[in-house]
Protein backbone atom coordinates (compact mmCIF):
# COMPACT_ATOMS: atom_id res chain seq x y z
CA MET A 1 157.97 -165.89 -96.89
CA PRO A 2 154.84 -164.13 -95.56
CA ASP A 3 155.53 -165.50 -92.07
CA ARG A 4 158.87 -163.64 -91.99
CA ARG A 5 157.17 -160.40 -92.99
CA LEU A 6 154.56 -160.85 -90.27
CA GLN A 7 157.25 -161.63 -87.71
CA ARG A 8 159.24 -158.50 -88.71
CA ARG A 9 156.09 -156.38 -88.35
CA ALA A 10 155.30 -157.93 -84.98
CA ALA A 11 158.89 -157.39 -83.80
CA ALA A 12 158.76 -153.77 -84.99
CA ALA A 13 155.51 -153.28 -83.07
CA VAL A 14 157.11 -154.71 -79.92
CA LYS A 15 160.11 -152.38 -80.27
CA GLN A 16 157.80 -149.40 -80.80
CA SER A 17 155.80 -150.39 -77.73
CA LEU A 18 159.01 -150.58 -75.69
CA ARG A 19 159.96 -147.07 -76.85
CA ASP A 20 156.48 -145.82 -75.93
CA LEU A 21 156.76 -147.50 -72.53
CA ARG A 22 160.17 -145.93 -71.95
CA VAL A 23 158.73 -142.48 -72.58
CA GLN A 24 155.77 -143.08 -70.26
CA LEU A 25 157.95 -144.48 -67.49
CA SER A 26 160.36 -141.59 -67.91
CA THR A 27 157.45 -139.16 -67.52
CA LEU A 28 156.16 -140.99 -64.44
CA ASN A 29 159.63 -141.17 -62.91
CA HIS A 30 160.15 -137.46 -63.51
CA GLN A 31 156.83 -136.69 -61.76
CA VAL A 32 157.77 -138.95 -58.83
CA GLY A 33 161.20 -137.34 -58.70
CA VAL A 34 159.67 -133.87 -58.52
CA ALA A 35 157.35 -134.99 -55.71
CA ALA A 36 160.29 -136.57 -53.87
CA GLU A 37 162.54 -133.58 -54.63
CA LEU A 38 164.98 -135.77 -56.55
CA ARG A 39 166.58 -135.23 -59.93
CA ASP A 40 165.99 -137.91 -62.55
CA THR A 41 169.53 -139.31 -62.21
CA ASP A 42 169.25 -139.25 -58.41
CA LEU A 43 166.08 -141.33 -58.68
CA ASP A 44 167.78 -143.80 -61.04
CA CYS A 45 170.69 -144.22 -58.61
CA LEU A 46 168.33 -144.62 -55.66
CA ASP A 47 166.47 -147.33 -57.56
CA LEU A 48 169.71 -149.17 -58.31
CA ILE A 49 170.79 -148.96 -54.66
CA SER A 50 167.36 -150.16 -53.51
CA ASN A 51 167.29 -153.10 -55.93
CA ASP A 52 170.94 -154.12 -56.07
CA GLY A 53 172.37 -152.76 -52.80
CA PRO A 54 174.24 -152.52 -50.72
CA LEU A 55 176.62 -151.32 -53.41
CA SER A 56 180.00 -149.69 -53.51
CA PRO A 57 180.06 -146.28 -55.19
CA SER A 58 182.18 -147.69 -58.03
CA ALA A 59 179.69 -150.52 -58.63
CA LEU A 60 176.86 -147.98 -58.69
CA ALA A 61 178.78 -145.78 -61.14
CA ARG A 62 179.20 -148.79 -63.47
CA LEU A 63 175.53 -149.80 -63.22
CA ALA A 64 174.31 -146.23 -63.76
CA GLY A 65 176.82 -145.47 -66.50
CA LEU A 66 178.07 -142.42 -64.61
CA HIS A 67 181.50 -140.99 -64.00
CA PRO A 68 182.51 -141.43 -60.33
CA ALA A 69 182.96 -137.66 -59.92
CA THR A 70 179.35 -137.11 -61.04
CA LEU A 71 178.21 -139.73 -58.57
CA THR A 72 179.65 -137.85 -55.59
CA GLY A 73 177.11 -135.02 -55.88
CA ILE A 74 174.25 -137.47 -56.38
CA LEU A 75 175.22 -139.46 -53.29
CA ASP A 76 175.59 -136.28 -51.25
CA ARG A 77 172.04 -135.23 -52.22
CA LEU A 78 170.58 -138.70 -51.53
CA GLU A 79 172.29 -138.89 -48.15
CA LYS A 80 171.27 -135.35 -47.19
CA GLY A 81 167.65 -136.16 -48.14
CA GLY A 82 167.67 -139.25 -45.91
CA TRP A 83 167.32 -141.66 -48.83
CA ILE A 84 170.58 -143.57 -48.39
CA ALA A 85 173.31 -144.26 -45.86
CA ARG A 86 177.01 -144.71 -46.52
CA ASP A 87 178.34 -147.49 -44.31
CA ARG A 88 181.82 -148.87 -43.88
CA ASP A 89 182.24 -152.20 -45.66
CA PRO A 90 182.81 -154.81 -42.92
CA ALA A 91 185.09 -156.75 -45.29
CA ASP A 92 187.26 -153.69 -46.01
CA ARG A 93 186.97 -150.80 -43.56
CA ARG A 94 188.48 -148.44 -46.15
CA SER A 95 185.54 -149.05 -48.50
CA VAL A 96 182.01 -147.69 -48.36
CA LEU A 97 178.74 -149.45 -49.11
CA LEU A 98 175.57 -147.61 -50.07
CA ARG A 99 172.20 -148.78 -48.80
CA ALA A 100 168.68 -147.43 -49.10
CA LEU A 101 166.98 -146.36 -45.89
CA PRO A 102 163.69 -148.21 -45.22
CA ASP A 103 161.64 -145.23 -44.02
CA ARG A 104 162.25 -143.30 -47.21
CA SER A 105 161.73 -146.47 -49.27
CA ARG A 106 158.18 -146.55 -47.90
CA ASP A 107 157.75 -142.95 -49.04
CA MET A 108 158.83 -143.94 -52.54
CA PHE A 109 156.47 -146.93 -52.54
CA ARG A 110 153.58 -144.54 -51.75
CA LEU A 111 154.56 -142.30 -54.67
CA TYR A 112 154.38 -145.28 -57.03
CA ALA A 113 151.18 -146.71 -55.50
CA GLY A 114 149.01 -145.67 -58.47
CA MET A 115 151.27 -147.36 -60.99
CA ASN A 116 151.63 -150.45 -58.82
CA ALA A 117 147.84 -150.77 -58.56
CA ARG A 118 147.46 -150.39 -62.33
CA MET A 119 150.15 -153.02 -62.91
CA ASP A 120 148.39 -155.40 -60.51
CA ASP A 121 145.17 -154.93 -62.51
CA LEU A 122 147.02 -155.43 -65.78
CA CYS A 123 148.77 -158.61 -64.58
CA ALA A 124 145.48 -160.03 -63.32
CA GLY A 125 144.41 -160.35 -66.95
CA TYR A 126 147.15 -162.88 -67.70
CA ASP A 127 147.68 -166.43 -66.49
CA THR A 128 150.88 -167.58 -64.80
CA GLU A 129 152.41 -169.01 -67.98
CA GLN A 130 151.79 -165.77 -69.87
CA LEU A 131 153.26 -163.69 -67.03
CA GLU A 132 156.34 -165.91 -66.97
CA LEU A 133 156.76 -165.41 -70.73
CA ILE A 134 156.35 -161.64 -70.40
CA GLY A 135 158.78 -161.60 -67.46
CA ASP A 136 161.34 -163.59 -69.42
CA PHE A 137 161.02 -161.22 -72.39
CA LEU A 138 161.44 -158.15 -70.20
CA GLN A 139 164.49 -159.62 -68.43
CA ARG A 140 166.08 -160.49 -71.76
CA ALA A 141 165.26 -157.02 -73.12
CA THR A 142 166.87 -155.50 -70.01
CA ARG A 143 170.03 -157.56 -70.56
CA ALA A 144 170.08 -156.52 -74.24
CA GLY A 145 169.83 -152.88 -73.18
CA ARG A 146 172.60 -153.29 -70.61
CA ASP A 147 174.82 -155.02 -73.19
CA ALA A 148 174.14 -152.28 -75.76
CA ALA A 149 174.95 -149.57 -73.20
CA GLU A 150 178.22 -151.30 -72.27
CA ARG A 151 179.20 -151.68 -75.93
CA PHE A 152 178.24 -148.07 -76.63
CA GLY A 153 180.43 -146.94 -73.74
CA ASP A 154 183.33 -149.06 -75.01
CA GLU A 155 182.95 -147.77 -78.58
CA SER A 156 182.67 -144.10 -77.60
CA ALA A 157 185.72 -144.21 -75.31
């Protein structure tokens, strides 16, 4: 019985740490967004395009949990700022694909350089097996968050 109580406490501490991390990353992302002259949602969409692109606008809207009409203004701002390009989809010339532009991606990398250096230092304190375990946990936590967001969207509709 005591093992269950200890596990619940440890799980609660992990969840609290994830909430604390979310707040800190949100603060950092807001500061980066201000420096890059991007709104928080613009920065989120740019990150999705950079990581998962090229993407169609509808795929981006699904990933970001945004209404397509909201996305139009975001994409206009990102394109005007030189962050993304809208290209014709070679498979369907009527469709558009969004891609991040490499020059601006380097600008973003510079804005996150401090955090990247701190993460490199942090990771250096763990061995490969530990990093793989942490990586697996974070990927599974990301999937859980995505699933919860999808269910929330389905339930609130």
